[in-house]
Protein backbone atom coordinates (compact mmCIF):
# COMPACT_ATOMS: atom_id res chain seq x y z
CA MET A 1 -50.50 27.60 61.56
CA HIS A 2 -51.05 31.30 61.24
CA ILE A 3 -52.28 33.45 64.13
CA PRO A 4 -53.04 37.03 63.07
CA GLU A 5 -51.41 39.66 65.30
CA TYR A 6 -49.61 36.97 67.35
CA SER A 7 -46.89 39.33 68.57
CA GLN A 8 -49.42 41.90 69.79
CA ILE A 9 -51.41 39.25 71.64
CA VAL A 10 -48.39 37.85 73.50
CA SER A 11 -46.53 41.12 74.15
CA PRO A 12 -47.70 41.26 77.81
CA LEU A 13 -46.09 37.83 78.29
CA TYR A 14 -42.75 39.01 76.91
CA LEU A 15 -42.72 41.92 79.35
CA VAL A 16 -42.58 39.57 82.35
CA THR A 17 -39.82 37.37 80.91
CA ARG A 18 -37.25 40.08 80.25
CA LYS A 19 -34.26 39.98 82.58
CA LYS A 20 -34.49 43.70 83.33
CA ASN A 21 -38.10 43.39 84.55
CA ASN A 22 -39.28 41.76 87.75
CA PHE A 23 -41.64 38.86 87.15
CA HIS A 24 -45.22 39.88 87.91
CA TRP A 25 -48.17 37.86 86.59
CA GLY A 26 -51.12 40.20 86.54
CA PRO A 27 -54.53 40.38 84.86
CA GLU A 28 -53.00 41.61 81.58
CA GLN A 29 -50.69 38.58 81.37
CA GLN A 30 -53.49 36.18 82.31
CA GLN A 31 -55.74 37.63 79.60
CA ALA A 32 -52.96 37.38 77.00
CA PHE A 33 -52.24 33.77 78.00
CA ALA A 34 -55.92 32.82 77.78
CA GLN A 35 -56.30 34.56 74.42
CA ILE A 36 -53.25 32.92 72.82
CA LYS A 37 -54.35 29.50 74.08
CA GLN A 38 -57.73 30.10 72.43
CA GLU A 39 -56.11 31.33 69.20
CA ILE A 40 -53.79 28.31 69.02
CA ALA A 41 -56.66 25.91 69.67
CA HIS A 42 -58.72 27.40 66.84
CA ALA A 43 -55.98 28.32 64.35
CA VAL A 44 -56.14 26.85 60.89
CA ALA A 45 -53.25 24.44 60.59
CA LEU A 46 -51.33 24.44 57.34
CA SER A 47 -50.67 20.76 57.90
CA PRO A 48 -52.01 18.21 60.38
CA VAL A 49 -50.65 18.53 63.91
CA ARG A 50 -49.08 15.28 65.01
CA THR A 51 -49.49 14.40 68.67
CA GLU A 52 -47.30 11.35 69.18
CA PRO A 53 -45.00 11.56 72.24
CA ASP A 54 -41.84 11.70 70.12
CA VAL A 55 -43.05 14.58 67.91
CA LYS A 56 -42.21 18.23 68.58
CA ASN A 57 -44.68 20.78 67.20
CA VAL A 58 -43.08 24.20 66.79
CA LEU A 59 -44.90 27.53 66.58
CA TYR A 60 -43.08 30.18 64.53
CA SER A 61 -43.76 33.89 64.62
CA ALA A 62 -42.78 36.48 62.04
CA ALA A 63 -41.68 39.96 63.06
CA ARG A 64 -40.78 43.04 61.12
CA ASN A 65 -37.74 45.19 61.87
CA ASN A 66 -39.74 48.35 62.50
CA SER A 67 -43.01 47.13 64.03
CA LEU A 68 -44.97 44.22 65.36
CA SER A 69 -46.39 41.85 62.80
């Protein structure tokens, strides 16, 4: 599936998971989490998503060397 501007949407979540930062879940992180859940739920899948218990669905993100994608 493709989610436009994925890295920009989830960037507040990455800030709280870095070792050098203290974990603080604030309104910005909650909004980013809610938005990415919505985007994933409505993203156009390039192939059917399988939901059997033994299947792992993986979400990949592309990034550029000099900026967010």
